[in-house]
Each structure stands twice: as structure tokens, then as C-alpha cells.
N, C-alpha and C. Protein backbone atom coordinates (compact mmCIF):
# COMPACT_ATOMS: atom_id res chain seq x y z
N LEU A 1 1.46 -10.74 -0.44
CA LEU A 1 0.67 -9.80 0.15
C LEU A 1 1.07 -9.67 1.58
N ALA A 2 1.88 -10.60 2.30
CA ALA A 2 2.20 -10.54 3.65
C ALA A 2 3.08 -9.28 3.71
N LEU A 3 4.06 -8.96 2.72
CA LEU A 3 5.03 -7.96 2.79
C LEU A 3 4.34 -6.54 2.55
N VAL A 4 3.26 -6.60 1.69
CA VAL A 4 2.39 -5.39 1.57
C VAL A 4 1.72 -4.97 2.80
N ARG A 5 1.14 -6.08 3.58
CA ARG A 5 0.54 -5.70 4.71
C ARG A 5 1.42 -5.25 5.94
N ALA A 6 2.63 -5.96 5.89
CA ALA A 6 3.75 -5.50 6.87
C ALA A 6 4.26 -4.06 6.65
N GLN A 7 4.47 -3.85 5.40
CA GLN A 7 4.89 -2.49 5.02
C GLN A 7 3.87 -1.37 5.13
N GLY A 8 2.64 -1.74 4.68
CA GLY A 8 1.72 -0.59 4.58
C GLY A 8 1.49 -0.08 3.24
N TYR A 9 2.15 -0.67 2.19
CA TYR A 9 2.14 -0.11 0.88
C TYR A 9 2.49 -1.11 -0.11
N ALA A 10 2.13 -0.93 -1.41
CA ALA A 10 2.61 -1.87 -2.48
C ALA A 10 3.34 -0.97 -3.47
N LEU A 11 4.21 -1.46 -4.19
CA LEU A 11 5.18 -0.76 -5.17
C LEU A 11 5.13 -1.58 -6.44
N ASP A 12 4.75 -1.15 -7.55
CA ASP A 12 4.78 -1.72 -8.82
C ASP A 12 5.91 -0.98 -9.61
N ARG A 13 6.90 -1.81 -9.86
CA ARG A 13 8.04 -1.14 -10.64
C ARG A 13 8.02 -1.57 -12.09
N GLY A 14 6.95 -1.19 -12.85
CA GLY A 14 6.81 -1.50 -14.19
C GLY A 14 6.16 -2.95 -14.52
N GLU A 15 5.59 -3.65 -13.61
CA GLU A 15 5.18 -5.07 -13.94
C GLU A 15 3.94 -5.08 -14.62
N THR A 16 2.95 -4.03 -14.31
CA THR A 16 1.68 -3.98 -15.13
C THR A 16 2.08 -3.14 -16.37
N LEU A 17 2.50 -2.03 -16.29
CA LEU A 17 2.93 -1.25 -17.63
C LEU A 17 4.45 -1.13 -17.49
N PRO A 18 5.23 -1.37 -18.48
CA PRO A 18 6.49 -1.30 -18.42
C PRO A 18 7.14 0.27 -18.11
N ASP A 19 6.46 1.13 -18.54
CA ASP A 19 6.81 2.56 -18.51
C ASP A 19 6.23 3.34 -17.42
N VAL A 20 5.62 2.63 -16.39
CA VAL A 20 4.97 3.30 -15.35
C VAL A 20 5.17 2.62 -13.96
N TRP A 21 5.52 3.24 -12.89
CA TRP A 21 5.61 2.86 -11.51
C TRP A 21 4.42 3.30 -10.92
N CYS A 22 3.97 2.43 -9.92
CA CYS A 22 2.84 2.72 -8.99
C CYS A 22 3.01 2.52 -7.64
N PHE A 23 2.62 3.44 -6.74
CA PHE A 23 2.80 3.60 -5.39
C PHE A 23 1.26 3.30 -4.72
N GLY A 24 1.02 2.32 -4.01
CA GLY A 24 -0.25 2.23 -3.53
C GLY A 24 -0.34 1.96 -2.02
N ALA A 25 -1.58 2.29 -1.43
CA ALA A 25 -1.65 2.09 -0.04
C ALA A 25 -3.02 1.86 0.29
N PRO A 26 -3.49 1.05 1.40
CA PRO A 26 -4.84 0.67 1.66
C PRO A 26 -5.71 1.74 2.26
N VAL A 27 -6.98 1.78 2.01
CA VAL A 27 -7.88 2.74 2.50
C VAL A 27 -8.80 1.85 3.40
N ARG A 28 -9.04 2.20 4.66
CA ARG A 28 -9.64 1.53 5.65
C ARG A 28 -11.11 2.26 6.11
N ASP A 29 -11.97 1.40 6.53
CA ASP A 29 -13.33 2.06 6.78
C ASP A 29 -13.19 2.22 8.58
N ALA A 30 -14.35 2.53 8.98
CA ALA A 30 -14.38 2.83 10.38
C ALA A 30 -13.95 1.65 11.27
N ASN A 31 -14.18 0.34 10.84
CA ASN A 31 -13.79 -0.82 11.54
C ASN A 31 -12.43 -1.28 11.27
N GLY A 32 -11.59 -0.58 10.48
CA GLY A 32 -10.32 -0.87 10.09
C GLY A 32 -10.26 -1.90 9.05
N SER A 33 -11.27 -2.30 8.30
CA SER A 33 -11.17 -3.17 7.24
C SER A 33 -10.84 -2.40 5.94
N VAL A 34 -9.97 -3.15 5.11
CA VAL A 34 -9.52 -2.40 3.91
C VAL A 34 -10.67 -2.41 2.86
N VAL A 35 -11.03 -1.28 2.54
CA VAL A 35 -12.34 -1.32 1.53
C VAL A 35 -11.88 -0.68 0.18
N ALA A 36 -10.63 -0.08 0.01
CA ALA A 36 -10.24 0.39 -1.31
C ALA A 36 -8.68 0.52 -1.15
N ALA A 37 -8.16 0.99 -2.20
CA ALA A 37 -6.68 1.31 -2.35
C ALA A 37 -6.58 2.68 -3.01
N LEU A 38 -5.67 3.32 -2.72
CA LEU A 38 -5.26 4.62 -3.33
C LEU A 38 -3.88 4.38 -3.90
N SER A 39 -3.68 4.86 -5.22
CA SER A 39 -2.34 4.69 -5.88
C SER A 39 -1.98 5.94 -6.58
N ILE A 40 -0.62 6.13 -6.76
CA ILE A 40 -0.08 7.18 -7.50
C ILE A 40 0.73 6.50 -8.62
N SER A 41 0.45 6.90 -9.80
CA SER A 41 1.12 6.34 -10.96
C SER A 41 2.20 7.31 -11.55
N VAL A 42 3.33 6.97 -11.87
CA VAL A 42 4.37 7.91 -12.34
C VAL A 42 5.12 7.28 -13.56
N PRO A 43 5.26 8.19 -14.62
CA PRO A 43 6.16 7.60 -15.67
C PRO A 43 7.37 7.35 -15.23
N VAL A 44 8.03 6.14 -15.74
CA VAL A 44 9.45 5.75 -15.26
C VAL A 44 10.56 6.76 -15.61
N THR A 45 10.28 7.67 -16.54
CA THR A 45 11.07 8.71 -16.88
C THR A 45 11.24 9.84 -15.65
N ARG A 46 10.23 9.79 -14.77
CA ARG A 46 10.19 10.81 -13.80
C ARG A 46 10.64 10.23 -12.38
N ILE A 47 10.94 8.90 -12.50
CA ILE A 47 11.31 8.41 -11.22
C ILE A 47 12.90 8.37 -10.93
N ASP A 48 13.40 8.77 -9.68
CA ASP A 48 14.67 8.50 -9.35
C ASP A 48 14.63 7.98 -7.87
N PRO A 49 15.69 7.54 -7.44
CA PRO A 49 15.86 6.87 -6.13
C PRO A 49 15.31 7.84 -4.80
N MET A 50 15.56 9.04 -5.14
CA MET A 50 14.95 10.08 -3.94
C MET A 50 13.52 10.28 -4.08
N ARG A 51 12.83 10.06 -5.18
CA ARG A 51 11.48 10.17 -5.28
C ARG A 51 10.64 8.97 -4.75
N VAL A 52 11.41 7.78 -4.62
CA VAL A 52 10.57 6.55 -4.46
C VAL A 52 10.08 6.66 -2.99
N GLU A 53 10.88 7.24 -1.98
CA GLU A 53 10.38 7.29 -0.71
C GLU A 53 9.32 8.40 -0.51
N THR A 54 9.55 9.52 -1.19
CA THR A 54 8.56 10.53 -1.18
C THR A 54 7.27 10.23 -1.83
N LEU A 55 7.13 9.43 -2.83
CA LEU A 55 5.89 9.02 -3.48
C LEU A 55 5.23 7.87 -2.52
N THR A 56 6.02 7.00 -2.16
CA THR A 56 5.45 6.07 -1.18
C THR A 56 4.89 6.71 0.02
N SER A 57 5.42 7.61 0.58
CA SER A 57 4.91 8.40 1.82
C SER A 57 3.79 9.07 1.52
N ALA A 58 3.67 9.72 0.18
CA ALA A 58 2.62 10.59 -0.18
C ALA A 58 1.37 9.59 -0.28
N ALA A 59 1.56 8.36 -0.83
CA ALA A 59 0.43 7.46 -1.09
C ALA A 59 -0.10 7.22 0.23
N GLN A 60 0.74 6.79 1.18
CA GLN A 60 0.39 6.37 2.47
C GLN A 60 -0.47 7.43 3.32
N GLN A 61 0.09 8.61 3.19
CA GLN A 61 -0.56 9.77 3.80
C GLN A 61 -1.92 10.06 3.28
N ALA A 62 -2.08 10.04 2.03
CA ALA A 62 -3.37 10.19 1.37
C ALA A 62 -4.20 9.10 1.78
N ALA A 63 -3.88 7.92 1.80
CA ALA A 63 -4.67 6.80 2.18
C ALA A 63 -5.17 7.03 3.59
N ARG A 64 -4.13 7.38 4.50
CA ARG A 64 -4.64 7.57 5.91
C ARG A 64 -5.61 8.74 5.97
N ASP A 65 -5.31 9.69 5.24
CA ASP A 65 -6.21 10.79 5.32
C ASP A 65 -7.72 10.40 4.96
N LEU A 66 -7.78 9.65 3.84
CA LEU A 66 -9.12 9.25 3.27
C LEU A 66 -9.79 8.31 4.27
N SER A 67 -8.88 7.43 4.96
CA SER A 67 -9.37 6.33 5.85
C SER A 67 -9.92 7.10 6.99
N GLN A 68 -9.26 8.19 7.42
CA GLN A 68 -9.86 8.90 8.67
C GLN A 68 -11.18 9.68 8.28
N ARG A 69 -11.37 9.99 7.01
CA ARG A 69 -12.62 10.69 6.65
C ARG A 69 -13.87 9.50 6.64
N LEU A 70 -13.26 8.34 6.52
CA LEU A 70 -14.24 7.25 6.59
C LEU A 70 -14.49 6.63 7.94
N GLY A 71 -13.76 7.41 8.95
CA GLY A 71 -14.16 7.06 10.35
C GLY A 71 -12.96 6.10 10.93
N TRP A 72 -11.97 5.80 10.23
CA TRP A 72 -10.88 5.03 10.78
C TRP A 72 -9.91 5.79 11.71
N SER A 73 -9.39 5.25 12.70
CA SER A 73 -8.19 5.76 13.41
C SER A 73 -7.49 4.54 13.67
N SER A 74 -6.20 4.76 13.98
CA SER A 74 -5.38 3.43 14.41
C SER A 74 -5.65 2.87 15.69
N MET A 75 -6.51 3.55 16.54
CA MET A 75 -6.89 3.03 17.72
C MET A 75 -8.24 2.25 17.57
N THR A 76 -8.99 2.28 16.36
CA THR A 76 -10.32 1.66 16.19
C THR A 76 -10.20 0.41 15.37
N ILE A 77 -9.05 -0.08 15.07
CA ILE A 77 -8.92 -1.34 14.27
C ILE A 77 -9.57 -2.50 15.10
N SER A 78 -10.41 -3.27 14.42
CA SER A 78 -11.23 -4.22 15.13
C SER A 78 -10.42 -5.54 15.45
N ALA A 79 -10.67 -6.40 16.35
CA ALA A 79 -9.98 -7.48 16.62
C ALA A 79 -9.88 -8.51 15.33
N GLU A 80 -11.12 -8.47 14.64
CA GLU A 80 -11.19 -9.27 13.57
C GLU A 80 -10.20 -8.96 12.40
N VAL A 81 -9.98 -7.69 12.18
CA VAL A 81 -9.01 -7.09 11.25
C VAL A 81 -7.64 -7.47 11.61
N VAL A 82 -7.35 -7.36 12.92
CA VAL A 82 -6.13 -7.76 13.47
C VAL A 82 -5.79 -9.14 13.37
N SER A 83 -6.66 -10.01 13.51
CA SER A 83 -6.59 -11.47 13.57
C SER A 83 -6.44 -11.88 12.01
N GLU A 84 -7.02 -11.19 11.26
CA GLU A 84 -6.82 -11.49 9.70
C GLU A 84 -5.46 -11.18 9.27
N GLU A 85 -5.04 -9.99 9.73
CA GLU A 85 -3.54 -9.67 9.35
C GLU A 85 -2.42 -10.55 10.06
N VAL A 86 -2.73 -10.97 11.21
CA VAL A 86 -1.78 -11.71 12.05
C VAL A 86 -1.55 -13.19 11.41
N GLN A 87 -2.59 -13.65 10.74
CA GLN A 87 -2.47 -15.06 10.12
C GLN A 87 -1.41 -15.05 9.04
N TYR A 88 -1.03 -13.98 8.40
CA TYR A 88 -0.20 -14.06 7.30
C TYR A 88 1.33 -14.13 7.76
N GLU A 89 2.04 -14.98 7.32
CA GLU A 89 3.51 -15.06 7.73
C GLU A 89 4.32 -14.05 6.93
N LEU A 90 5.11 -13.34 7.78
CA LEU A 90 6.09 -12.19 7.30
C LEU A 90 7.18 -12.93 6.59
N PRO A 91 7.79 -12.32 5.58
CA PRO A 91 8.88 -12.89 4.87
C PRO A 91 10.09 -13.01 5.63
N ARG A 92 11.11 -13.83 5.33
CA ARG A 92 12.35 -13.83 6.18
C ARG A 92 13.09 -12.57 5.78
N ARG A 93 13.93 -12.12 6.70
CA ARG A 93 14.53 -10.82 6.79
C ARG A 93 15.43 -10.59 5.45
N ASN A 94 16.10 -11.58 4.99
CA ASN A 94 17.09 -11.41 3.90
C ASN A 94 16.34 -11.96 2.55
N ALA A 95 15.20 -12.34 2.62
CA ALA A 95 14.63 -12.63 1.33
C ALA A 95 14.25 -11.64 0.37
N ILE A 96 14.28 -11.87 -0.84
CA ILE A 96 13.89 -10.79 -1.82
C ILE A 96 12.53 -11.13 -2.32
N PRO A 97 11.55 -10.43 -1.72
CA PRO A 97 10.16 -10.61 -2.02
C PRO A 97 9.76 -10.24 -3.37
N PRO A 98 8.75 -10.92 -3.96
CA PRO A 98 8.19 -10.50 -5.23
C PRO A 98 7.34 -9.01 -4.95
N VAL A 99 7.25 -8.10 -5.86
CA VAL A 99 6.61 -6.95 -5.74
C VAL A 99 5.19 -7.08 -6.41
N PRO A 100 4.18 -7.05 -5.67
CA PRO A 100 2.95 -7.18 -6.42
C PRO A 100 2.56 -6.08 -7.19
N PRO A 101 1.78 -6.32 -8.23
CA PRO A 101 1.37 -5.10 -9.04
C PRO A 101 0.43 -4.29 -8.59
N CYS A 102 0.30 -3.10 -8.80
CA CYS A 102 -0.64 -2.04 -8.51
C CYS A 102 -1.79 -2.14 -9.50
N VAL A 103 -2.98 -2.21 -9.22
CA VAL A 103 -3.93 -2.35 -9.96
C VAL A 103 -4.67 -0.83 -10.11
N SER A 104 -4.83 -0.38 -11.39
CA SER A 104 -5.53 0.89 -11.66
C SER A 104 -6.63 0.68 -12.52
N HIS A 105 -7.74 1.49 -12.16
CA HIS A 105 -8.88 1.32 -13.03
C HIS A 105 -9.06 2.61 -13.78
N ARG A 106 -9.06 2.48 -15.14
CA ARG A 106 -9.11 3.74 -16.07
C ARG A 106 -10.38 3.87 -16.54
């Protein structure tokens, strides 16, 4: 989770469903607390290296837009949220981190 917090997104490369990749980003409330997540799921047959960055950015932008509708702005993150996120150690630069699965509710 430290990597997800540092990056601002999660990527599931078929860990949950082998034929589906998922790109997720946090949704924050007016205090900056993560209250939900937004994800984009794509069949593996429609993924190519060029689309990974595009889909990751799209998930992050949609989550930012929704967060702003909930009253969040990057300038209003509470000290409590910052201290919560700072307590997690970031991975070493050359370490290969595990990719957490994206959870979808159907």
C-alpha cells in the first residue's frame, strides 16, 4: 500500500481476474480522507503499453474530479491525513513491489 499511496494509483495486472486489468485511484472527501476508490477495468486483449499510462491517468483524473465534487482540494488535506500517509515507508528505489489487486463490486 505504501507504493499505491506514493504513486496515487493502483494497478491490477490480472491478479483478481486473469483476463482483466484494473486501474484504480483514491477518492477523497473534503478533509482529504480516502472515502472510496474509482477504477477502470479493461480486458487484457485491449491493453497495450501505450494505453497503460493513458488509463492510469484517466482513473486518477476521474478520481480527482469526483474528490473535488466532494469538497476536496489538494490544499485542504488535513494534518491527520498527512501524518497517516507519512507513517508508511516508501519502497526502495530498485525494489520490485508487489502490485495490489483492484477490488471491484459487481
